[in-house]
Amino acid sequence: MTNERPRRLSTADERRETVLSTAIGAFASRGYFGTTTTEVGKAAGISQAYVYRLFPNKETLFVAVVEHCFTRVRASLEHGTAAASSSAPEAVLAAMGDAYAKLISDNDLMLVQLHAQAAAVSEPAIRDAVRAGYARLVEYVRGASGGDERQVQEFFATGMLCHLLVSMGADEVDAPWTRTLTAGITHY
């Protein structure tokens, strides 16, 4: 008699989550247009055919990845809200910004966001997912922070600047222009 446990098969939902988390890395590396479902399947340890059983096409898979990333962003903003030193809009927005800066130190998530924004230009389903994701985030930030229109806009503008700075490795360049752009911006 052995102490081996019976082999437990993954459910479709578990496989779906595995494919999503694996696809983040694949899409971060090569973007929507440069990544194949074969590559995603191989990275997830499943066949391309099984990827298609979980997601009918690459566009649906990428949209699911984008939505997954927005969910992670929302969770980080909620964590920041909970950690705020006071309920003043400035304090809440600063805590949210800090939580978001920590989140995008995971370059894969940030790169998927950048690739999604680029693909949204020509792919309507991706554009819709990006719009919907930002709509939910803006409304969350507005409600949770109590900030006015200008404060909420500046919060998102600073987030976009963070993407730019991280994506081009601005912290690796000591020059007047990088000091201007990075002043007051925290990165992890």
N, C-alpha and C. Protein backbone atom coordinates (compact mmCIF):
# COMPACT_ATOMS: atom_id res chain seq x y z
N MET A 1 0.85 -1.17 0.00
CA MET A 1 0.00 0.00 0.00
C MET A 1 0.89 1.24 0.00
N THR A 2 0.58 2.17 -0.88
CA THR A 2 1.36 3.41 -0.96
C THR A 2 0.54 4.56 -0.42
N ASN A 3 1.24 5.63 -0.15
CA ASN A 3 0.58 6.84 0.36
C ASN A 3 0.30 7.84 -0.76
N GLU A 4 0.30 7.38 -1.98
CA GLU A 4 0.05 8.28 -3.09
C GLU A 4 -1.39 8.77 -3.07
N ARG A 5 -1.53 10.05 -3.32
CA ARG A 5 -2.87 10.61 -3.42
C ARG A 5 -3.38 10.38 -4.84
N PRO A 6 -4.67 10.20 -4.98
CA PRO A 6 -5.19 10.04 -6.34
C PRO A 6 -4.94 11.32 -7.13
N ARG A 7 -4.67 11.13 -8.39
CA ARG A 7 -4.40 12.26 -9.27
C ARG A 7 -5.69 13.07 -9.43
N ARG A 8 -5.59 14.37 -9.24
CA ARG A 8 -6.74 15.24 -9.36
C ARG A 8 -6.60 16.03 -10.65
N LEU A 9 -7.58 15.98 -11.50
CA LEU A 9 -7.54 16.71 -12.76
C LEU A 9 -7.96 18.16 -12.53
N SER A 10 -7.36 19.04 -13.30
CA SER A 10 -7.72 20.45 -13.21
C SER A 10 -9.09 20.67 -13.83
N THR A 11 -9.82 21.58 -13.24
CA THR A 11 -11.09 21.96 -13.83
C THR A 11 -10.84 22.95 -14.96
N ALA A 12 -11.84 23.16 -15.80
CA ALA A 12 -11.71 24.13 -16.89
C ALA A 12 -11.43 25.52 -16.33
N ASP A 13 -12.06 25.87 -15.20
CA ASP A 13 -11.82 27.19 -14.60
C ASP A 13 -10.37 27.33 -14.13
N GLU A 14 -9.82 26.26 -13.53
CA GLU A 14 -8.42 26.30 -13.11
C GLU A 14 -7.50 26.42 -14.31
N ARG A 15 -7.77 25.68 -15.36
CA ARG A 15 -6.97 25.78 -16.59
C ARG A 15 -7.08 27.17 -17.19
N ARG A 16 -8.28 27.71 -17.16
CA ARG A 16 -8.50 29.05 -17.69
C ARG A 16 -7.62 30.06 -16.94
N GLU A 17 -7.60 29.97 -15.62
CA GLU A 17 -6.75 30.86 -14.81
C GLU A 17 -5.28 30.66 -15.12
N THR A 18 -4.87 29.41 -15.30
CA THR A 18 -3.48 29.12 -15.66
C THR A 18 -3.13 29.74 -17.00
N VAL A 19 -4.03 29.58 -17.96
CA VAL A 19 -3.79 30.16 -19.28
C VAL A 19 -3.72 31.68 -19.19
N LEU A 20 -4.62 32.30 -18.43
CA LEU A 20 -4.59 33.76 -18.28
C LEU A 20 -3.29 34.24 -17.68
N SER A 21 -2.84 33.62 -16.59
CA SER A 21 -1.61 34.07 -15.96
C SER A 21 -0.40 33.82 -16.85
N THR A 22 -0.42 32.74 -17.59
CA THR A 22 0.67 32.45 -18.53
C THR A 22 0.62 33.41 -19.70
N ALA A 23 -0.58 33.69 -20.18
CA ALA A 23 -0.75 34.58 -21.33
C ALA A 23 -0.26 35.99 -21.02
N ILE A 24 -0.36 36.43 -19.77
CA ILE A 24 0.14 37.75 -19.42
C ILE A 24 1.61 37.86 -19.80
N GLY A 25 2.40 36.87 -19.42
CA GLY A 25 3.83 36.88 -19.76
C GLY A 25 4.06 36.82 -21.25
N ALA A 26 3.30 35.98 -21.94
CA ALA A 26 3.48 35.84 -23.38
C ALA A 26 3.11 37.14 -24.11
N PHE A 27 1.97 37.72 -23.77
CA PHE A 27 1.54 38.95 -24.42
C PHE A 27 2.43 40.13 -24.01
N ALA A 28 2.93 40.13 -22.79
CA ALA A 28 3.83 41.19 -22.36
C ALA A 28 5.10 41.19 -23.20
N SER A 29 5.57 40.01 -23.50
CA SER A 29 6.81 39.87 -24.25
C SER A 29 6.69 40.31 -25.70
N ARG A 30 5.59 39.90 -26.36
CA ARG A 30 5.50 40.14 -27.81
C ARG A 30 4.26 40.90 -28.26
N GLY A 31 3.40 41.27 -27.33
CA GLY A 31 2.22 42.03 -27.68
C GLY A 31 1.12 41.19 -28.28
N TYR A 32 0.01 41.82 -28.55
CA TYR A 32 -1.15 41.13 -29.10
C TYR A 32 -0.84 40.58 -30.48
N PHE A 33 -0.26 41.39 -31.33
CA PHE A 33 -0.03 40.98 -32.71
C PHE A 33 1.11 39.98 -32.87
N GLY A 34 2.06 39.99 -31.95
CA GLY A 34 3.23 39.13 -32.08
C GLY A 34 3.15 37.81 -31.33
N THR A 35 2.09 37.60 -30.58
CA THR A 35 1.96 36.39 -29.77
C THR A 35 0.94 35.44 -30.41
N THR A 36 1.29 34.18 -30.46
CA THR A 36 0.36 33.18 -31.01
C THR A 36 -0.26 32.38 -29.87
N THR A 37 -1.41 31.80 -30.15
CA THR A 37 -2.04 30.94 -29.16
C THR A 37 -1.23 29.67 -28.94
N THR A 38 -0.46 29.28 -29.94
CA THR A 38 0.44 28.13 -29.78
C THR A 38 1.47 28.44 -28.69
N GLU A 39 2.02 29.65 -28.71
CA GLU A 39 3.00 30.04 -27.68
C GLU A 39 2.37 30.08 -26.30
N VAL A 40 1.16 30.59 -26.22
CA VAL A 40 0.46 30.64 -24.93
C VAL A 40 0.21 29.23 -24.42
N GLY A 41 -0.28 28.36 -25.28
CA GLY A 41 -0.54 26.98 -24.88
C GLY A 41 0.72 26.27 -24.42
N LYS A 42 1.79 26.44 -25.18
CA LYS A 42 3.06 25.79 -24.81
C LYS A 42 3.53 26.28 -23.45
N ALA A 43 3.45 27.59 -23.21
CA ALA A 43 3.88 28.13 -21.92
C ALA A 43 3.00 27.63 -20.77
N ALA A 44 1.72 27.39 -21.07
CA ALA A 44 0.79 26.90 -20.04
C ALA A 44 0.82 25.38 -19.89
N GLY A 45 1.56 24.72 -20.78
CA GLY A 45 1.64 23.27 -20.71
C GLY A 45 0.42 22.57 -21.25
N ILE A 46 -0.27 23.23 -22.18
CA ILE A 46 -1.46 22.62 -22.81
C ILE A 46 -1.37 22.82 -24.32
N SER A 47 -2.20 22.12 -25.03
CA SER A 47 -2.19 22.24 -26.49
C SER A 47 -2.90 23.50 -26.95
N GLN A 48 -2.59 23.92 -28.15
CA GLN A 48 -3.28 25.06 -28.75
C GLN A 48 -4.78 24.75 -28.85
N ALA A 49 -5.10 23.51 -29.16
CA ALA A 49 -6.51 23.11 -29.26
C ALA A 49 -7.24 23.33 -27.94
N TYR A 50 -6.56 23.03 -26.83
CA TYR A 50 -7.20 23.23 -25.53
C TYR A 50 -7.33 24.72 -25.22
N VAL A 51 -6.36 25.53 -25.65
CA VAL A 51 -6.51 26.99 -25.50
C VAL A 51 -7.80 27.42 -26.18
N TYR A 52 -8.04 26.89 -27.39
CA TYR A 52 -9.25 27.25 -28.13
C TYR A 52 -10.53 26.69 -27.50
N ARG A 53 -10.42 25.64 -26.72
CA ARG A 53 -11.60 25.16 -25.98
C ARG A 53 -11.95 26.13 -24.86
N LEU A 54 -10.93 26.78 -24.30
CA LEU A 54 -11.15 27.73 -23.21
C LEU A 54 -11.50 29.13 -23.71
N PHE A 55 -10.90 29.51 -24.82
CA PHE A 55 -11.09 30.82 -25.42
C PHE A 55 -11.28 30.62 -26.92
N PRO A 56 -12.37 31.08 -27.50
CA PRO A 56 -12.67 30.77 -28.90
C PRO A 56 -11.67 31.32 -29.92
N ASN A 57 -10.94 32.37 -29.55
CA ASN A 57 -9.94 32.93 -30.46
C ASN A 57 -8.94 33.77 -29.68
N LYS A 58 -7.91 34.20 -30.36
CA LYS A 58 -6.85 34.97 -29.70
C LYS A 58 -7.38 36.29 -29.16
N GLU A 59 -8.27 36.91 -29.89
CA GLU A 59 -8.83 38.19 -29.45
C GLU A 59 -9.56 38.02 -28.12
N THR A 60 -10.37 36.98 -28.00
CA THR A 60 -11.10 36.72 -26.75
C THR A 60 -10.13 36.46 -25.61
N LEU A 61 -9.07 35.72 -25.89
CA LEU A 61 -8.04 35.45 -24.88
C LEU A 61 -7.38 36.75 -24.44
N PHE A 62 -6.99 37.59 -25.39
CA PHE A 62 -6.32 38.84 -25.05
C PHE A 62 -7.26 39.76 -24.26
N VAL A 63 -8.51 39.84 -24.66
CA VAL A 63 -9.49 40.65 -23.93
C VAL A 63 -9.61 40.14 -22.49
N ALA A 64 -9.63 38.83 -22.30
CA ALA A 64 -9.69 38.26 -20.95
C ALA A 64 -8.45 38.63 -20.15
N VAL A 65 -7.29 38.63 -20.80
CA VAL A 65 -6.05 39.04 -20.14
C VAL A 65 -6.12 40.51 -19.73
N VAL A 66 -6.59 41.35 -20.63
CA VAL A 66 -6.73 42.78 -20.34
C VAL A 66 -7.67 42.98 -19.14
N GLU A 67 -8.81 42.29 -19.15
CA GLU A 67 -9.76 42.39 -18.04
C GLU A 67 -9.14 41.90 -16.73
N HIS A 68 -8.36 40.83 -16.82
CA HIS A 68 -7.66 40.30 -15.64
C HIS A 68 -6.69 41.34 -15.09
N CYS A 69 -5.99 42.02 -15.97
CA CYS A 69 -5.05 43.05 -15.54
C CYS A 69 -5.78 44.22 -14.88
N PHE A 70 -6.92 44.63 -15.44
CA PHE A 70 -7.70 45.70 -14.81
C PHE A 70 -8.19 45.28 -13.43
N THR A 71 -8.53 44.01 -13.27
CA THR A 71 -8.94 43.51 -11.96
C THR A 71 -7.79 43.62 -10.96
N ARG A 72 -6.60 43.29 -11.40
CA ARG A 72 -5.42 43.42 -10.52
C ARG A 72 -5.14 44.88 -10.18
N VAL A 73 -5.31 45.77 -11.15
CA VAL A 73 -5.11 47.20 -10.88
C VAL A 73 -6.13 47.67 -9.84
N ARG A 74 -7.39 47.30 -10.03
CA ARG A 74 -8.43 47.70 -9.09
C ARG A 74 -8.10 47.20 -7.68
N ALA A 75 -7.66 45.96 -7.57
CA ALA A 75 -7.31 45.41 -6.26
C ALA A 75 -6.16 46.20 -5.62
N SER A 76 -5.19 46.61 -6.42
CA SER A 76 -4.08 47.39 -5.86
C SER A 76 -4.57 48.76 -5.40
N LEU A 77 -5.49 49.37 -6.14
CA LEU A 77 -6.04 50.66 -5.74
C LEU A 77 -6.85 50.53 -4.45
N GLU A 78 -7.59 49.43 -4.33
CA GLU A 78 -8.34 49.18 -3.09
C GLU A 78 -7.39 49.02 -1.91
N HIS A 79 -6.30 48.32 -2.14
CA HIS A 79 -5.29 48.15 -1.09
C HIS A 79 -4.71 49.52 -0.70
N GLY A 80 -4.43 50.34 -1.69
CA GLY A 80 -3.93 51.69 -1.41
C GLY A 80 -4.94 52.51 -0.62
N THR A 81 -6.20 52.42 -1.00
CA THR A 81 -7.25 53.16 -0.29
C THR A 81 -7.28 52.75 1.19
N ALA A 82 -7.19 51.47 1.43
CA ALA A 82 -7.21 50.97 2.81
C ALA A 82 -5.99 51.42 3.60
N ALA A 83 -4.88 51.66 2.92
CA ALA A 83 -3.64 52.05 3.59
C ALA A 83 -3.47 53.56 3.73
N ALA A 84 -4.40 54.33 3.21
CA ALA A 84 -4.27 55.79 3.24
C ALA A 84 -4.17 56.30 4.68
N SER A 85 -3.35 57.34 4.87
CA SER A 85 -3.14 57.89 6.21
C SER A 85 -4.32 58.72 6.71
N SER A 86 -5.18 59.15 5.79
CA SER A 86 -6.40 59.88 6.17
C SER A 86 -7.40 59.73 5.02
N SER A 87 -8.58 60.29 5.21
CA SER A 87 -9.59 60.21 4.17
C SER A 87 -9.56 61.40 3.22
N ALA A 88 -8.61 62.29 3.40
CA ALA A 88 -8.48 63.44 2.50
C ALA A 88 -8.15 62.94 1.10
N PRO A 89 -8.76 63.52 0.07
CA PRO A 89 -8.50 63.06 -1.30
C PRO A 89 -7.02 62.96 -1.63
N GLU A 90 -6.23 63.92 -1.21
CA GLU A 90 -4.80 63.90 -1.51
C GLU A 90 -4.11 62.68 -0.89
N ALA A 91 -4.48 62.35 0.33
CA ALA A 91 -3.88 61.19 1.01
C ALA A 91 -4.31 59.89 0.35
N VAL A 92 -5.58 59.78 0.02
CA VAL A 92 -6.08 58.56 -0.62
C VAL A 92 -5.45 58.39 -1.99
N LEU A 93 -5.39 59.45 -2.78
CA LEU A 93 -4.79 59.36 -4.12
C LEU A 93 -3.31 59.03 -4.03
N ALA A 94 -2.61 59.60 -3.05
CA ALA A 94 -1.19 59.29 -2.89
C ALA A 94 -0.99 57.82 -2.53
N ALA A 95 -1.83 57.30 -1.64
CA ALA A 95 -1.72 55.88 -1.25
C ALA A 95 -2.06 54.97 -2.43
N MET A 96 -3.08 55.34 -3.21
CA MET A 96 -3.42 54.57 -4.41
C MET A 96 -2.24 54.59 -5.39
N GLY A 97 -1.66 55.76 -5.57
CA GLY A 97 -0.53 55.89 -6.50
C GLY A 97 0.65 55.03 -6.06
N ASP A 98 0.91 54.99 -4.77
CA ASP A 98 2.00 54.17 -4.26
C ASP A 98 1.72 52.69 -4.49
N ALA A 99 0.49 52.28 -4.23
CA ALA A 99 0.11 50.87 -4.46
C ALA A 99 0.24 50.52 -5.94
N TYR A 100 -0.16 51.43 -6.80
CA TYR A 100 -0.06 51.19 -8.25
C TYR A 100 1.40 51.13 -8.69
N ALA A 101 2.24 52.00 -8.15
CA ALA A 101 3.67 51.97 -8.49
C ALA A 101 4.28 50.63 -8.12
N LYS A 102 3.88 50.08 -6.98
CA LYS A 102 4.37 48.75 -6.58
C LYS A 102 3.87 47.69 -7.55
N LEU A 103 2.61 47.81 -7.96
CA LEU A 103 2.04 46.83 -8.87
C LEU A 103 2.76 46.81 -10.21
N ILE A 104 3.05 47.97 -10.78
CA ILE A 104 3.68 47.98 -12.11
C ILE A 104 5.18 47.71 -12.06
N SER A 105 5.70 47.48 -10.85
CA SER A 105 7.08 46.99 -10.82
C SER A 105 7.11 45.58 -11.40
N ASP A 106 5.92 44.95 -11.50
CA ASP A 106 5.74 43.72 -12.28
C ASP A 106 5.61 44.18 -13.72
N ASN A 107 6.72 44.20 -14.44
CA ASN A 107 6.72 44.74 -15.79
C ASN A 107 5.73 44.05 -16.72
N ASP A 108 5.44 42.77 -16.50
CA ASP A 108 4.51 42.07 -17.38
C ASP A 108 3.14 42.73 -17.38
N LEU A 109 2.64 43.07 -16.21
CA LEU A 109 1.33 43.70 -16.14
C LEU A 109 1.36 45.05 -16.85
N MET A 110 2.39 45.84 -16.60
CA MET A 110 2.50 47.14 -17.24
C MET A 110 2.61 47.00 -18.75
N LEU A 111 3.40 46.03 -19.21
CA LEU A 111 3.56 45.84 -20.65
C LEU A 111 2.26 45.39 -21.32
N VAL A 112 1.49 44.54 -20.66
CA VAL A 112 0.19 44.15 -21.22
C VAL A 112 -0.69 45.38 -21.35
N GLN A 113 -0.67 46.26 -20.34
CA GLN A 113 -1.47 47.49 -20.43
C GLN A 113 -1.03 48.33 -21.63
N LEU A 114 0.27 48.47 -21.83
CA LEU A 114 0.77 49.24 -22.97
C LEU A 114 0.40 48.59 -24.30
N HIS A 115 0.55 47.28 -24.39
CA HIS A 115 0.18 46.56 -25.61
C HIS A 115 -1.33 46.68 -25.87
N ALA A 116 -2.12 46.63 -24.82
CA ALA A 116 -3.57 46.75 -24.98
C ALA A 116 -3.94 48.12 -25.52
N GLN A 117 -3.29 49.15 -25.01
CA GLN A 117 -3.57 50.50 -25.50
C GLN A 117 -3.18 50.63 -26.96
N ALA A 118 -2.06 50.03 -27.35
CA ALA A 118 -1.63 50.08 -28.75
C ALA A 118 -2.59 49.30 -29.65
N ALA A 119 -2.98 48.11 -29.22
CA ALA A 119 -3.89 47.28 -30.03
C ALA A 119 -5.28 47.89 -30.10
N ALA A 120 -5.67 48.66 -29.09
CA ALA A 120 -7.00 49.28 -29.07
C ALA A 120 -7.20 50.23 -30.24
N VAL A 121 -6.12 50.74 -30.77
CA VAL A 121 -6.22 51.67 -31.90
C VAL A 121 -6.91 51.02 -33.09
N SER A 122 -6.63 49.73 -33.33
CA SER A 122 -7.16 49.07 -34.53
C SER A 122 -8.08 47.88 -34.26
N GLU A 123 -8.22 47.47 -33.03
CA GLU A 123 -9.02 46.29 -32.69
C GLU A 123 -10.20 46.69 -31.81
N PRO A 124 -11.41 46.76 -32.38
CA PRO A 124 -12.58 47.24 -31.62
C PRO A 124 -12.87 46.50 -30.32
N ALA A 125 -12.73 45.19 -30.28
CA ALA A 125 -13.02 44.44 -29.04
C ALA A 125 -12.03 44.80 -27.94
N ILE A 126 -10.78 44.99 -28.32
CA ILE A 126 -9.76 45.38 -27.35
C ILE A 126 -10.02 46.82 -26.91
N ARG A 127 -10.36 47.69 -27.85
CA ARG A 127 -10.70 49.08 -27.51
C ARG A 127 -11.84 49.10 -26.50
N ASP A 128 -12.86 48.30 -26.73
CA ASP A 128 -14.00 48.25 -25.81
C ASP A 128 -13.56 47.79 -24.42
N ALA A 129 -12.69 46.78 -24.36
CA ALA A 129 -12.21 46.28 -23.06
C ALA A 129 -11.38 47.34 -22.34
N VAL A 130 -10.54 48.05 -23.07
CA VAL A 130 -9.72 49.10 -22.46
C VAL A 130 -10.62 50.24 -21.97
N ARG A 131 -11.57 50.64 -22.78
CA ARG A 131 -12.51 51.70 -22.36
C ARG A 131 -13.26 51.29 -21.10
N ALA A 132 -13.81 50.08 -21.12
CA ALA A 132 -14.59 49.61 -19.97
C ALA A 132 -13.72 49.52 -18.72
N GLY A 133 -12.49 49.05 -18.88
CA GLY A 133 -11.58 48.94 -17.74
C GLY A 133 -11.26 50.30 -17.15
N TYR A 134 -10.95 51.25 -18.00
CA TYR A 134 -10.67 52.60 -17.50
C TYR A 134 -11.90 53.26 -16.91
N ALA A 135 -13.06 53.04 -17.52
CA ALA A 135 -14.30 53.61 -16.97
C ALA A 135 -14.51 53.14 -15.53
N ARG A 136 -14.33 51.84 -15.31
CA ARG A 136 -14.49 51.31 -13.95
C ARG A 136 -13.44 51.88 -13.00
N LEU A 137 -12.19 51.98 -13.47
CA LEU A 137 -11.14 52.52 -12.59
C LEU A 137 -11.37 53.98 -12.26
N VAL A 138 -11.74 54.78 -13.25
CA VAL A 138 -11.97 56.21 -13.00
C VAL A 138 -13.09 56.38 -11.98
N GLU A 139 -14.17 55.64 -12.16
CA GLU A 139 -15.28 55.77 -11.21
C GLU A 139 -14.88 55.28 -9.82
N TYR A 140 -14.07 54.22 -9.76
CA TYR A 140 -13.61 53.76 -8.44
C TYR A 140 -12.74 54.84 -7.79
N VAL A 141 -11.77 55.35 -8.53
CA VAL A 141 -10.85 56.36 -7.97
C VAL A 141 -11.63 57.59 -7.53
N ARG A 142 -12.57 58.03 -8.35
CA ARG A 142 -13.40 59.20 -8.00
C ARG A 142 -14.15 58.94 -6.69
N GLY A 143 -14.82 57.81 -6.60
CA GLY A 143 -15.63 57.50 -5.42
C GLY A 143 -14.80 57.23 -4.17
N ALA A 144 -13.74 56.47 -4.32
CA ALA A 144 -12.94 56.09 -3.15
C ALA A 144 -12.11 57.25 -2.61
N SER A 145 -11.65 58.13 -3.51
CA SER A 145 -10.79 59.22 -3.06
C SER A 145 -11.57 60.47 -2.68
N GLY A 146 -12.74 60.65 -3.30
CA GLY A 146 -13.47 61.89 -3.08
C GLY A 146 -12.82 63.06 -3.80
N GLY A 147 -11.88 62.75 -4.70
CA GLY A 147 -11.17 63.80 -5.43
C GLY A 147 -12.06 64.47 -6.46
N ASP A 148 -11.70 65.70 -6.81
CA ASP A 148 -12.44 66.40 -7.84
C ASP A 148 -11.94 65.97 -9.22
N GLU A 149 -12.57 66.49 -10.26
CA GLU A 149 -12.22 66.10 -11.63
C GLU A 149 -10.73 66.30 -11.93
N ARG A 150 -10.19 67.44 -11.53
CA ARG A 150 -8.77 67.72 -11.79
C ARG A 150 -7.87 66.73 -11.06
N GLN A 151 -8.18 66.43 -9.82
CA GLN A 151 -7.35 65.49 -9.05
C GLN A 151 -7.38 64.09 -9.65
N VAL A 152 -8.55 63.66 -10.07
CA VAL A 152 -8.67 62.33 -10.68
C VAL A 152 -7.92 62.30 -12.01
N GLN A 153 -8.08 63.35 -12.80
CA GLN A 153 -7.36 63.41 -14.07
C GLN A 153 -5.85 63.40 -13.85
N GLU A 154 -5.37 64.17 -12.90
CA GLU A 154 -3.93 64.19 -12.60
C GLU A 154 -3.44 62.83 -12.11
N PHE A 155 -4.27 62.14 -11.35
CA PHE A 155 -3.90 60.80 -10.89
C PHE A 155 -3.64 59.88 -12.08
N PHE A 156 -4.56 59.88 -13.04
CA PHE A 156 -4.38 59.02 -14.21
C PHE A 156 -3.27 59.52 -15.12
N ALA A 157 -3.09 60.81 -15.23
CA ALA A 157 -2.00 61.35 -16.04
C ALA A 157 -0.65 60.95 -15.45
N THR A 158 -0.55 60.99 -14.15
CA THR A 158 0.70 60.56 -13.49
C THR A 158 0.93 59.07 -13.71
N GLY A 159 -0.14 58.29 -13.67
CA GLY A 159 -0.01 56.85 -13.94
C GLY A 159 0.51 56.59 -15.34
N MET A 160 0.02 57.34 -16.31
CA MET A 160 0.50 57.19 -17.70
C MET A 160 1.96 57.61 -17.81
N LEU A 161 2.32 58.67 -17.09
CA LEU A 161 3.72 59.09 -17.09
C LEU A 161 4.59 57.99 -16.47
N CYS A 162 4.11 57.36 -15.43
CA CYS A 162 4.85 56.23 -14.82
C CYS A 162 5.09 55.14 -15.85
N HIS A 163 4.07 54.80 -16.64
CA HIS A 163 4.23 53.79 -17.69
C HIS A 163 5.35 54.19 -18.64
N LEU A 164 5.33 55.43 -19.08
CA LEU A 164 6.35 55.91 -20.01
C LEU A 164 7.74 55.81 -19.38
N LEU A 165 7.88 56.28 -18.16
CA LEU A 165 9.19 56.28 -17.49
C LEU A 165 9.72 54.86 -17.30
N VAL A 166 8.86 53.96 -16.85
CA VAL A 166 9.29 52.58 -16.63
C VAL A 166 9.61 51.90 -17.95
N SER A 167 8.76 52.10 -18.97
CA SER A 167 8.96 51.40 -20.23
C SER A 167 10.24 51.82 -20.94
N MET A 168 10.66 53.06 -20.77
CA MET A 168 11.90 53.49 -21.44
C MET A 168 13.11 53.47 -20.51
N GLY A 169 12.94 52.98 -19.30
CA GLY A 169 14.07 52.89 -18.38
C GLY A 169 14.65 54.25 -18.04
N ALA A 170 13.80 55.22 -17.81
CA ALA A 170 14.26 56.59 -17.55
C ALA A 170 15.16 56.67 -16.33
N ASP A 171 14.99 55.76 -15.37
CA ASP A 171 15.84 55.78 -14.18
C ASP A 171 17.29 55.40 -14.47
N GLU A 172 17.54 54.88 -15.67
CA GLU A 172 18.91 54.50 -16.06
C GLU A 172 19.66 55.64 -16.74
N VAL A 173 18.98 56.76 -16.96
CA VAL A 173 19.57 57.90 -17.67
C VAL A 173 19.60 59.10 -16.74
N ASP A 174 20.79 59.62 -16.50
CA ASP A 174 20.92 60.81 -15.67
C ASP A 174 21.10 62.01 -16.60
N ALA A 175 20.01 62.69 -16.87
CA ALA A 175 20.02 63.84 -17.77
C ALA A 175 18.94 64.81 -17.30
N PRO A 176 19.06 66.07 -17.69
CA PRO A 176 18.05 67.05 -17.25
C PRO A 176 16.61 66.65 -17.63
N TRP A 177 16.41 66.10 -18.81
CA TRP A 177 15.04 65.75 -19.22
C TRP A 177 14.47 64.62 -18.37
N THR A 178 15.31 63.64 -17.97
CA THR A 178 14.79 62.56 -17.14
C THR A 178 14.53 63.05 -15.72
N ARG A 179 15.38 63.94 -15.24
CA ARG A 179 15.14 64.50 -13.90
C ARG A 179 13.84 65.29 -13.88
N THR A 180 13.54 66.00 -14.96
CA THR A 180 12.28 66.73 -15.06
C THR A 180 11.09 65.78 -15.03
N LEU A 181 11.14 64.74 -15.83
CA LEU A 181 10.01 63.82 -15.91
C LEU A 181 9.83 62.95 -14.68
N THR A 182 10.93 62.61 -14.02
CA THR A 182 10.84 61.70 -12.87
C THR A 182 10.69 62.41 -11.53
N ALA A 183 10.76 63.74 -11.51
CA ALA A 183 10.66 64.48 -10.23
C ALA A 183 9.34 64.14 -9.53
N GLY A 184 9.46 63.68 -8.30
CA GLY A 184 8.28 63.38 -7.50
C GLY A 184 7.59 62.07 -7.83
N ILE A 185 8.14 61.29 -8.76
CA ILE A 185 7.55 60.01 -9.15
C ILE A 185 8.29 58.90 -8.43
N THR A 186 7.56 58.03 -7.75
CA THR A 186 8.15 56.91 -7.03
C THR A 186 8.06 55.65 -7.89
N HIS A 187 9.16 54.90 -7.94
CA HIS A 187 9.18 53.61 -8.64
C HIS A 187 9.76 52.56 -7.71
N TYR A 188 9.33 51.35 -7.91
CA TYR A 188 9.82 50.23 -7.09
C TYR A 188 10.51 49.21 -7.97
